[in-house]
mmCIF file of all heavy atoms, coordinates in Angstrom:
data_MODEL
# 
_entry.id   MODEL 
# 
loop_
_atom_site.group_PDB 
_atom_site.id 
_atom_site.type_symbol 
_atom_site.label_atom_id 
_atom_site.label_alt_id 
_atom_site.label_comp_id 
_atom_site.label_asym_id 
_atom_site.label_entity_id 
_atom_site.label_seq_id 
_atom_site.pdbx_PDB_ins_code 
_atom_site.Cartn_x 
_atom_site.Cartn_y 
_atom_site.Cartn_z 
_atom_site.occupancy 
_atom_site.B_iso_or_equiv 
_atom_site.pdbx_formal_charge 
_atom_site.auth_seq_id 
_atom_site.auth_comp_id 
_atom_site.auth_asym_id 
_atom_site.auth_atom_id 
_atom_site.pdbx_PDB_model_num 
ATOM 1   N N   . LEU A 1 1  ? -63.520 -98.668  -63.839 1.00 0.00 ? 1  LEU A N   1 
ATOM 2   C CA  . LEU A 1 1  ? -64.478 -98.114  -62.887 1.00 0.00 ? 1  LEU A CA  1 
ATOM 3   C C   . LEU A 1 1  ? -63.880 -98.159  -61.504 1.00 0.00 ? 1  LEU A C   1 
ATOM 4   O O   . LEU A 1 1  ? -63.392 -99.191  -61.066 1.00 0.00 ? 1  LEU A O   1 
ATOM 5   C CB  . LEU A 1 1  ? -65.775 -98.885  -62.926 1.00 0.00 ? 1  LEU A CB  1 
ATOM 6   C CG  . LEU A 1 1  ? -66.832 -98.481  -61.867 1.00 0.00 ? 1  LEU A CG  1 
ATOM 7   C CD1 . LEU A 1 1  ? -67.367 -97.094  -62.162 1.00 0.00 ? 1  LEU A CD1 1 
ATOM 8   C CD2 . LEU A 1 1  ? -67.964 -99.504  -61.846 1.00 0.00 ? 1  LEU A CD2 1 
ATOM 9   N N   . VAL A 1 2  ? -63.943 -97.065  -60.776 1.00 0.00 ? 2  VAL A N   1 
ATOM 10  C CA  . VAL A 1 2  ? -63.484 -97.022  -59.406 1.00 0.00 ? 2  VAL A CA  1 
ATOM 11  C C   . VAL A 1 2  ? -64.683 -97.175  -58.465 1.00 0.00 ? 2  VAL A C   1 
ATOM 12  O O   . VAL A 1 2  ? -64.644 -98.012  -57.557 1.00 0.00 ? 2  VAL A O   1 
ATOM 13  C CB  . VAL A 1 2  ? -62.785 -95.683  -59.107 1.00 0.00 ? 2  VAL A CB  1 
ATOM 14  C CG1 . VAL A 1 2  ? -62.357 -95.597  -57.640 1.00 0.00 ? 2  VAL A CG1 1 
ATOM 15  C CG2 . VAL A 1 2  ? -61.542 -95.527  -60.008 1.00 0.00 ? 2  VAL A CG2 1 
ATOM 16  N N   . ALA A 1 3  ? -65.691 -96.370  -58.668 1.00 0.00 ? 3  ALA A N   1 
ATOM 17  C CA  . ALA A 1 3  ? -66.889 -96.432  -57.830 1.00 0.00 ? 3  ALA A CA  1 
ATOM 18  C C   . ALA A 1 3  ? -68.034 -95.778  -58.512 1.00 0.00 ? 3  ALA A C   1 
ATOM 19  O O   . ALA A 1 3  ? -67.825 -94.896  -59.378 1.00 0.00 ? 3  ALA A O   1 
ATOM 20  C CB  . ALA A 1 3  ? -66.601 -95.769  -56.460 1.00 0.00 ? 3  ALA A CB  1 
ATOM 21  N N   . SER A 1 4  ? -69.213 -96.174  -58.170 1.00 0.00 ? 4  SER A N   1 
ATOM 22  C CA  . SER A 1 4  ? -70.443 -95.580  -58.715 1.00 0.00 ? 4  SER A CA  1 
ATOM 23  C C   . SER A 1 4  ? -71.487 -95.516  -57.652 1.00 0.00 ? 4  SER A C   1 
ATOM 24  O O   . SER A 1 4  ? -71.492 -96.280  -56.691 1.00 0.00 ? 4  SER A O   1 
ATOM 25  C CB  . SER A 1 4  ? -70.943 -96.327  -59.947 1.00 0.00 ? 4  SER A CB  1 
ATOM 26  O OG  . SER A 1 4  ? -71.373 -97.649  -59.610 1.00 0.00 ? 4  SER A OG  1 
ATOM 27  N N   . ILE A 1 5  ? -72.436 -94.609  -57.858 1.00 0.00 ? 5  ILE A N   1 
ATOM 28  C CA  . ILE A 1 5  ? -73.553 -94.450  -56.938 1.00 0.00 ? 5  ILE A CA  1 
ATOM 29  C C   . ILE A 1 5  ? -74.809 -94.144  -57.718 1.00 0.00 ? 5  ILE A C   1 
ATOM 30  O O   . ILE A 1 5  ? -74.814 -93.254  -58.573 1.00 0.00 ? 5  ILE A O   1 
ATOM 31  C CB  . ILE A 1 5  ? -73.253 -93.395  -55.846 1.00 0.00 ? 5  ILE A CB  1 
ATOM 32  C CG1 . ILE A 1 5  ? -74.358 -93.271  -54.831 1.00 0.00 ? 5  ILE A CG1 1 
ATOM 33  C CG2 . ILE A 1 5  ? -72.978 -92.007  -56.526 1.00 0.00 ? 5  ILE A CG2 1 
ATOM 34  C CD1 . ILE A 1 5  ? -74.027 -92.456  -53.621 1.00 0.00 ? 5  ILE A CD1 1 
ATOM 35  N N   . SER A 1 6  ? -75.859 -94.863  -57.443 1.00 0.00 ? 6  SER A N   1 
ATOM 36  C CA  . SER A 1 6  ? -77.098 -94.689  -58.155 1.00 0.00 ? 6  SER A CA  1 
ATOM 37  C C   . SER A 1 6  ? -77.940 -93.577  -57.536 1.00 0.00 ? 6  SER A C   1 
ATOM 38  O O   . SER A 1 6  ? -77.610 -93.046  -56.466 1.00 0.00 ? 6  SER A O   1 
ATOM 39  C CB  . SER A 1 6  ? -77.902 -95.999  -58.134 1.00 0.00 ? 6  SER A CB  1 
ATOM 40  O OG  . SER A 1 6  ? -78.418 -96.244  -56.830 1.00 0.00 ? 6  SER A OG  1 
ATOM 41  N N   . GLY A 1 7  ? -79.027 -93.233  -58.201 1.00 0.00 ? 7  GLY A N   1 
ATOM 42  C CA  . GLY A 1 7  ? -79.909 -92.234  -57.663 1.00 0.00 ? 7  GLY A CA  1 
ATOM 43  C C   . GLY A 1 7  ? -80.527 -92.611  -56.322 1.00 0.00 ? 7  GLY A C   1 
ATOM 44  O O   . GLY A 1 7  ? -80.825 -91.777  -55.506 1.00 0.00 ? 7  GLY A O   1 
ATOM 45  N N   . GLY A 1 8  ? -80.649 -93.924  -56.142 1.00 0.00 ? 8  GLY A N   1 
ATOM 46  C CA  . GLY A 1 8  ? -81.212 -94.447  -54.875 1.00 0.00 ? 8  GLY A CA  1 
ATOM 47  C C   . GLY A 1 8  ? -80.154 -94.596  -53.779 1.00 0.00 ? 8  GLY A C   1 
ATOM 48  O O   . GLY A 1 8  ? -80.521 -95.022  -52.678 1.00 0.00 ? 8  GLY A O   1 
ATOM 49  N N   . GLY A 1 9  ? -78.914 -94.321  -54.092 1.00 0.00 ? 9  GLY A N   1 
ATOM 50  C CA  . GLY A 1 9  ? -77.846 -94.379  -53.102 1.00 0.00 ? 9  GLY A CA  1 
ATOM 51  C C   . GLY A 1 9  ? -77.056 -95.714  -53.074 1.00 0.00 ? 9  GLY A C   1 
ATOM 52  O O   . GLY A 1 9  ? -76.186 -95.867  -52.217 1.00 0.00 ? 9  GLY A O   1 
ATOM 53  N N   . SER A 1 10 ? -77.398 -96.605  -53.978 1.00 0.00 ? 10 SER A N   1 
ATOM 54  C CA  . SER A 1 10 ? -76.632 -97.849  -54.038 1.00 0.00 ? 10 SER A CA  1 
ATOM 55  C C   . SER A 1 10 ? -75.252 -97.629  -54.578 1.00 0.00 ? 10 SER A C   1 
ATOM 56  O O   . SER A 1 10 ? -75.081 -96.899  -55.574 1.00 0.00 ? 10 SER A O   1 
ATOM 57  C CB  . SER A 1 10 ? -77.353 -98.875  -54.915 1.00 0.00 ? 10 SER A CB  1 
ATOM 58  O OG  . SER A 1 10 ? -78.640 -99.216  -54.364 1.00 0.00 ? 10 SER A OG  1 
ATOM 59  N N   . THR A 1 11 ? -74.267 -98.223  -53.958 1.00 0.00 ? 11 THR A N   1 
ATOM 60  C CA  . THR A 1 11 ? -72.873 -98.006  -54.356 1.00 0.00 ? 11 THR A CA  1 
ATOM 61  C C   . THR A 1 11 ? -72.206 -99.291  -54.845 1.00 0.00 ? 11 THR A C   1 
ATOM 62  O O   . THR A 1 11 ? -72.603 -100.396 -54.473 1.00 0.00 ? 11 THR A O   1 
ATOM 63  C CB  . THR A 1 11 ? -72.054 -97.410  -53.212 1.00 0.00 ? 11 THR A CB  1 
ATOM 64  O OG1 . THR A 1 11 ? -72.085 -98.297  -52.075 1.00 0.00 ? 11 THR A OG1 1 
ATOM 65  C CG2 . THR A 1 11 ? -72.608 -96.059  -52.792 1.00 0.00 ? 11 THR A CG2 1 
ATOM 66  N N   . ASP A 1 12 ? -71.183 -99.092  -55.644 1.00 0.00 ? 12 ASP A N   1 
ATOM 67  C CA  . ASP A 1 12 ? -70.374 -100.207 -56.128 1.00 0.00 ? 12 ASP A CA  1 
ATOM 68  C C   . ASP A 1 12 ? -68.952 -99.765  -56.209 1.00 0.00 ? 12 ASP A C   1 
ATOM 69  O O   . ASP A 1 12 ? -68.667 -98.619  -56.637 1.00 0.00 ? 12 ASP A O   1 
ATOM 70  C CB  . ASP A 1 12 ? -70.896 -100.658 -57.502 1.00 0.00 ? 12 ASP A CB  1 
ATOM 71  C CG  . ASP A 1 12 ? -70.262 -101.958 -57.965 1.00 0.00 ? 12 ASP A CG  1 
ATOM 72  O OD1 . ASP A 1 12 ? -70.169 -102.879 -57.137 1.00 0.00 ? 12 ASP A OD1 1 
ATOM 73  O OD2 . ASP A 1 12 ? -69.881 -102.051 -59.148 1.00 0.00 ? 12 ASP A OD2 1 
ATOM 74  N N   . TYR A 1 13 ? -68.027 -100.638 -55.813 1.00 0.00 ? 13 TYR A N   1 
ATOM 75  C CA  . TYR A 1 13 ? -66.624 -100.326 -55.790 1.00 0.00 ? 13 TYR A CA  1 
ATOM 76  C C   . TYR A 1 13 ? -65.833 -101.399 -56.493 1.00 0.00 ? 13 TYR A C   1 
ATOM 77  O O   . TYR A 1 13 ? -66.175 -102.606 -56.446 1.00 0.00 ? 13 TYR A O   1 
ATOM 78  C CB  . TYR A 1 13 ? -66.103 -100.181 -54.374 1.00 0.00 ? 13 TYR A CB  1 
ATOM 79  C CG  . TYR A 1 13 ? -66.746 -99.063  -53.577 1.00 0.00 ? 13 TYR A CG  1 
ATOM 80  C CD1 . TYR A 1 13 ? -67.861 -99.294  -52.817 1.00 0.00 ? 13 TYR A CD1 1 
ATOM 81  C CD2 . TYR A 1 13 ? -66.215 -97.767  -53.571 1.00 0.00 ? 13 TYR A CD2 1 
ATOM 82  C CE1 . TYR A 1 13 ? -68.461 -98.283  -52.082 1.00 0.00 ? 13 TYR A CE1 1 
ATOM 83  C CE2 . TYR A 1 13 ? -66.796 -96.761  -52.876 1.00 0.00 ? 13 TYR A CE2 1 
ATOM 84  C CZ  . TYR A 1 13 ? -67.920 -97.024  -52.143 1.00 0.00 ? 13 TYR A CZ  1 
ATOM 85  O OH  . TYR A 1 13 ? -68.536 -96.012  -51.378 1.00 0.00 ? 13 TYR A OH  1 
ATOM 86  N N   . SER A 1 14 ? -64.742 -101.019 -57.095 1.00 0.00 ? 14 SER A N   1 
ATOM 87  C CA  . SER A 1 14 ? -63.834 -101.987 -57.672 1.00 0.00 ? 14 SER A CA  1 
ATOM 88  C C   . SER A 1 14 ? -63.054 -102.668 -56.531 1.00 0.00 ? 14 SER A C   1 
ATOM 89  O O   . SER A 1 14 ? -62.890 -102.091 -55.446 1.00 0.00 ? 14 SER A O   1 
ATOM 90  C CB  . SER A 1 14 ? -62.867 -101.341 -58.659 1.00 0.00 ? 14 SER A CB  1 
ATOM 91  O OG  . SER A 1 14 ? -61.998 -100.446 -57.994 1.00 0.00 ? 14 SER A OG  1 
ATOM 92  N N   . GLY A 1 15 ? -62.564 -103.883 -56.802 1.00 0.00 ? 15 GLY A N   1 
ATOM 93  C CA  . GLY A 1 15 ? -61.870 -104.631 -55.783 1.00 0.00 ? 15 GLY A CA  1 
ATOM 94  C C   . GLY A 1 15 ? -60.670 -103.906 -55.135 1.00 0.00 ? 15 GLY A C   1 
ATOM 95  O O   . GLY A 1 15 ? -60.574 -103.892 -53.899 1.00 0.00 ? 15 GLY A O   1 
ATOM 96  N N   . PRO A 1 16 ? -59.838 -103.274 -55.909 1.00 0.00 ? 16 PRO A N   1 
ATOM 97  C CA  . PRO A 1 16 ? -58.635 -102.624 -55.338 1.00 0.00 ? 16 PRO A CA  1 
ATOM 98  C C   . PRO A 1 16 ? -58.952 -101.468 -54.384 1.00 0.00 ? 16 PRO A C   1 
ATOM 99  O O   . PRO A 1 16 ? -58.048 -101.110 -53.566 1.00 0.00 ? 16 PRO A O   1 
ATOM 100 C CB  . PRO A 1 16 ? -57.858 -102.127 -56.570 1.00 0.00 ? 16 PRO A CB  1 
ATOM 101 C CG  . PRO A 1 16 ? -58.308 -103.023 -57.650 1.00 0.00 ? 16 PRO A CG  1 
ATOM 102 C CD  . PRO A 1 16 ? -59.751 -103.323 -57.366 1.00 0.00 ? 16 PRO A CD  1 
ATOM 103 N N   . VAL A 1 17 ? -60.125 -100.882 -54.447 1.00 0.00 ? 17 VAL A N   1 
ATOM 104 C CA  . VAL A 1 17 ? -60.413 -99.711  -53.624 1.00 0.00 ? 17 VAL A CA  1 
ATOM 105 C C   . VAL A 1 17 ? -61.405 -100.000 -52.525 1.00 0.00 ? 17 VAL A C   1 
ATOM 106 O O   . VAL A 1 17 ? -61.656 -99.096  -51.662 1.00 0.00 ? 17 VAL A O   1 
ATOM 107 C CB  . VAL A 1 17 ? -60.906 -98.511  -54.435 1.00 0.00 ? 17 VAL A CB  1 
ATOM 108 C CG1 . VAL A 1 17 ? -59.942 -98.264  -55.587 1.00 0.00 ? 17 VAL A CG1 1 
ATOM 109 C CG2 . VAL A 1 17 ? -62.284 -98.740  -54.963 1.00 0.00 ? 17 VAL A CG2 1 
ATOM 110 N N   . LYS A 1 18 ? -61.969 -101.164 -52.486 1.00 0.00 ? 18 LYS A N   1 
ATOM 111 C CA  . LYS A 1 18 ? -62.964 -101.496 -51.493 1.00 0.00 ? 18 LYS A CA  1 
ATOM 112 C C   . LYS A 1 18 ? -62.360 -101.367 -50.053 1.00 0.00 ? 18 LYS A C   1 
ATOM 113 O O   . LYS A 1 18 ? -61.246 -101.804 -49.808 1.00 0.00 ? 18 LYS A O   1 
ATOM 114 C CB  . LYS A 1 18 ? -63.465 -102.895 -51.638 1.00 0.00 ? 18 LYS A CB  1 
ATOM 115 C CG  . LYS A 1 18 ? -64.451 -103.052 -52.819 1.00 0.00 ? 18 LYS A CG  1 
ATOM 116 C CD  . LYS A 1 18 ? -64.992 -104.496 -52.859 1.00 0.00 ? 18 LYS A CD  1 
ATOM 117 C CE  . LYS A 1 18 ? -65.997 -104.622 -54.027 1.00 0.00 ? 18 LYS A CE  1 
ATOM 118 N NZ  . LYS A 1 18 ? -66.507 -106.021 -54.133 1.00 0.00 ? 18 LYS A NZ  1 
ATOM 119 N N   . GLY A 1 19 ? -63.109 -100.705 -49.221 1.00 0.00 ? 19 GLY A N   1 
ATOM 120 C CA  . GLY A 1 19 ? -62.614 -100.485 -47.884 1.00 0.00 ? 19 GLY A CA  1 
ATOM 121 C C   . GLY A 1 19 ? -61.765 -99.242  -47.665 1.00 0.00 ? 19 GLY A C   1 
ATOM 122 O O   . GLY A 1 19 ? -61.493 -98.858  -46.560 1.00 0.00 ? 19 GLY A O   1 
ATOM 123 N N   . ARG A 1 20 ? -61.339 -98.664  -48.795 1.00 0.00 ? 20 ARG A N   1 
ATOM 124 C CA  . ARG A 1 20 ? -60.464 -97.500  -48.729 1.00 0.00 ? 20 ARG A CA  1 
ATOM 125 C C   . ARG A 1 20 ? -61.127 -96.217  -49.287 1.00 0.00 ? 20 ARG A C   1 
ATOM 126 O O   . ARG A 1 20 ? -60.841 -95.135  -48.791 1.00 0.00 ? 20 ARG A O   1 
ATOM 127 C CB  . ARG A 1 20 ? -59.148 -97.738  -49.434 1.00 0.00 ? 20 ARG A CB  1 
ATOM 128 C CG  . ARG A 1 20 ? -58.333 -98.921  -48.885 1.00 0.00 ? 20 ARG A CG  1 
ATOM 129 C CD  . ARG A 1 20 ? -56.921 -98.975  -49.519 1.00 0.00 ? 20 ARG A CD  1 
ATOM 130 N NE  . ARG A 1 20 ? -57.001 -99.231  -50.955 1.00 0.00 ? 20 ARG A NE  1 
ATOM 131 C CZ  . ARG A 1 20 ? -56.583 -98.410  -51.910 1.00 0.00 ? 20 ARG A CZ  1 
ATOM 132 N NH1 . ARG A 1 20 ? -56.035 -97.266  -51.558 1.00 0.00 ? 20 ARG A NH1 1 
ATOM 133 N NH2 . ARG A 1 20 ? -56.661 -98.738  -53.188 1.00 0.00 ? 20 ARG A NH2 1 
ATOM 134 N N   . PHE A 1 21 ? -61.928 -96.385  -50.327 1.00 0.00 ? 21 PHE A N   1 
ATOM 135 C CA  . PHE A 1 21 ? -62.577 -95.267  -50.953 1.00 0.00 ? 21 PHE A CA  1 
ATOM 136 C C   . PHE A 1 21 ? -64.046 -95.240  -50.604 1.00 0.00 ? 21 PHE A C   1 
ATOM 137 O O   . PHE A 1 21 ? -64.664 -96.269  -50.426 1.00 0.00 ? 21 PHE A O   1 
ATOM 138 C CB  . PHE A 1 21 ? -62.456 -95.359  -52.493 1.00 0.00 ? 21 PHE A CB  1 
ATOM 139 C CG  . PHE A 1 21 ? -61.037 -95.145  -53.012 1.00 0.00 ? 21 PHE A CG  1 
ATOM 140 C CD1 . PHE A 1 21 ? -59.955 -95.093  -52.196 1.00 0.00 ? 21 PHE A CD1 1 
ATOM 141 C CD2 . PHE A 1 21 ? -60.832 -94.997  -54.407 1.00 0.00 ? 21 PHE A CD2 1 
ATOM 142 C CE1 . PHE A 1 21 ? -58.661 -94.907  -52.673 1.00 0.00 ? 21 PHE A CE1 1 
ATOM 143 C CE2 . PHE A 1 21 ? -59.558 -94.819  -54.907 1.00 0.00 ? 21 PHE A CE2 1 
ATOM 144 C CZ  . PHE A 1 21 ? -58.472 -94.761  -54.038 1.00 0.00 ? 21 PHE A CZ  1 
ATOM 145 N N   . THR A 1 22 ? -64.613 -94.049  -50.604 1.00 0.00 ? 22 THR A N   1 
ATOM 146 C CA  . THR A 1 22 ? -66.032 -93.892  -50.353 1.00 0.00 ? 22 THR A CA  1 
ATOM 147 C C   . THR A 1 22 ? -66.603 -92.868  -51.358 1.00 0.00 ? 22 THR A C   1 
ATOM 148 O O   . THR A 1 22 ? -66.094 -91.771  -51.493 1.00 0.00 ? 22 THR A O   1 
ATOM 149 C CB  . THR A 1 22 ? -66.324 -93.385  -48.946 1.00 0.00 ? 22 THR A CB  1 
ATOM 150 O OG1 . THR A 1 22 ? -65.807 -94.311  -47.959 1.00 0.00 ? 22 THR A OG1 1 
ATOM 151 C CG2 . THR A 1 22 ? -67.823 -93.229  -48.720 1.00 0.00 ? 22 THR A CG2 1 
ATOM 152 N N   . ILE A 1 23 ? -67.646 -93.287  -52.075 1.00 0.00 ? 23 ILE A N   1 
ATOM 153 C CA  . ILE A 1 23 ? -68.338 -92.389  -53.002 1.00 0.00 ? 23 ILE A CA  1 
ATOM 154 C C   . ILE A 1 23 ? -69.598 -91.870  -52.341 1.00 0.00 ? 23 ILE A C   1 
ATOM 155 O O   . ILE A 1 23 ? -70.302 -92.607  -51.611 1.00 0.00 ? 23 ILE A O   1 
ATOM 156 C CB  . ILE A 1 23 ? -68.627 -93.080  -54.334 1.00 0.00 ? 23 ILE A CB  1 
ATOM 157 C CG1 . ILE A 1 23 ? -69.199 -92.064  -55.342 1.00 0.00 ? 23 ILE A CG1 1 
ATOM 158 C CG2 . ILE A 1 23 ? -69.603 -94.243  -54.135 1.00 0.00 ? 23 ILE A CG2 1 
ATOM 159 C CD1 . ILE A 1 23 ? -69.272 -92.634  -56.766 1.00 0.00 ? 23 ILE A CD1 1 
ATOM 160 N N   . SER A 1 24 ? -69.908 -90.615  -52.563 1.00 0.00 ? 24 SER A N   1 
ATOM 161 C CA  . SER A 1 24 ? -71.106 -90.001  -52.026 1.00 0.00 ? 24 SER A CA  1 
ATOM 162 C C   . SER A 1 24 ? -71.624 -88.950  -53.009 1.00 0.00 ? 24 SER A C   1 
ATOM 163 O O   . SER A 1 24 ? -70.908 -88.537  -53.910 1.00 0.00 ? 24 SER A O   1 
ATOM 164 C CB  . SER A 1 24 ? -70.864 -89.385  -50.632 1.00 0.00 ? 24 SER A CB  1 
ATOM 165 O OG  . SER A 1 24 ? -69.919 -88.345  -50.703 1.00 0.00 ? 24 SER A OG  1 
ATOM 166 N N   . ARG A 1 25 ? -72.855 -88.506  -52.801 1.00 0.00 ? 25 ARG A N   1 
ATOM 167 C CA  . ARG A 1 25 ? -73.390 -87.480  -53.699 1.00 0.00 ? 25 ARG A CA  1 
ATOM 168 C C   . ARG A 1 25 ? -74.259 -86.522  -52.904 1.00 0.00 ? 25 ARG A C   1 
ATOM 169 O O   . ARG A 1 25 ? -74.867 -86.848  -51.900 1.00 0.00 ? 25 ARG A O   1 
ATOM 170 C CB  . ARG A 1 25 ? -74.225 -88.129  -54.832 1.00 0.00 ? 25 ARG A CB  1 
ATOM 171 C CG  . ARG A 1 25 ? -75.413 -88.932  -54.367 1.00 0.00 ? 25 ARG A CG  1 
ATOM 172 C CD  . ARG A 1 25 ? -75.999 -89.772  -55.515 1.00 0.00 ? 25 ARG A CD  1 
ATOM 173 N NE  . ARG A 1 25 ? -76.701 -88.934  -56.494 1.00 0.00 ? 25 ARG A NE  1 
ATOM 174 C CZ  . ARG A 1 25 ? -77.153 -89.379  -57.658 1.00 0.00 ? 25 ARG A CZ  1 
ATOM 175 N NH1 . ARG A 1 25 ? -76.953 -90.644  -58.008 1.00 0.00 ? 25 ARG A NH1 1 
ATOM 176 N NH2 . ARG A 1 25 ? -77.797 -88.564  -58.485 1.00 0.00 ? 25 ARG A NH2 1 
ATOM 177 N N   . ASP A 1 26 ? -74.300 -85.294  -53.400 1.00 0.00 ? 26 ASP A N   1 
ATOM 178 C CA  . ASP A 1 26 ? -75.145 -84.253  -52.838 1.00 0.00 ? 26 ASP A CA  1 
ATOM 179 C C   . ASP A 1 26 ? -76.087 -83.821  -53.963 1.00 0.00 ? 26 ASP A C   1 
ATOM 180 O O   . ASP A 1 26 ? -75.686 -83.063  -54.859 1.00 0.00 ? 26 ASP A O   1 
ATOM 181 C CB  . ASP A 1 26 ? -74.307 -83.072  -52.353 1.00 0.00 ? 26 ASP A CB  1 
ATOM 182 C CG  . ASP A 1 26 ? -75.140 -82.010  -51.683 1.00 0.00 ? 26 ASP A CG  1 
ATOM 183 O OD1 . ASP A 1 26 ? -76.319 -81.885  -51.935 1.00 0.00 ? 26 ASP A OD1 1 
ATOM 184 O OD2 . ASP A 1 26 ? -74.566 -81.251  -50.833 1.00 0.00 ? 26 ASP A OD2 1 
# 
């Protein structure tokens, strides 16, 4: 898992990508 985002907008990132990757949804 790299990153995930819930319907409510909560996000989660794996350790290696934290601070570098951003997940978003439209």
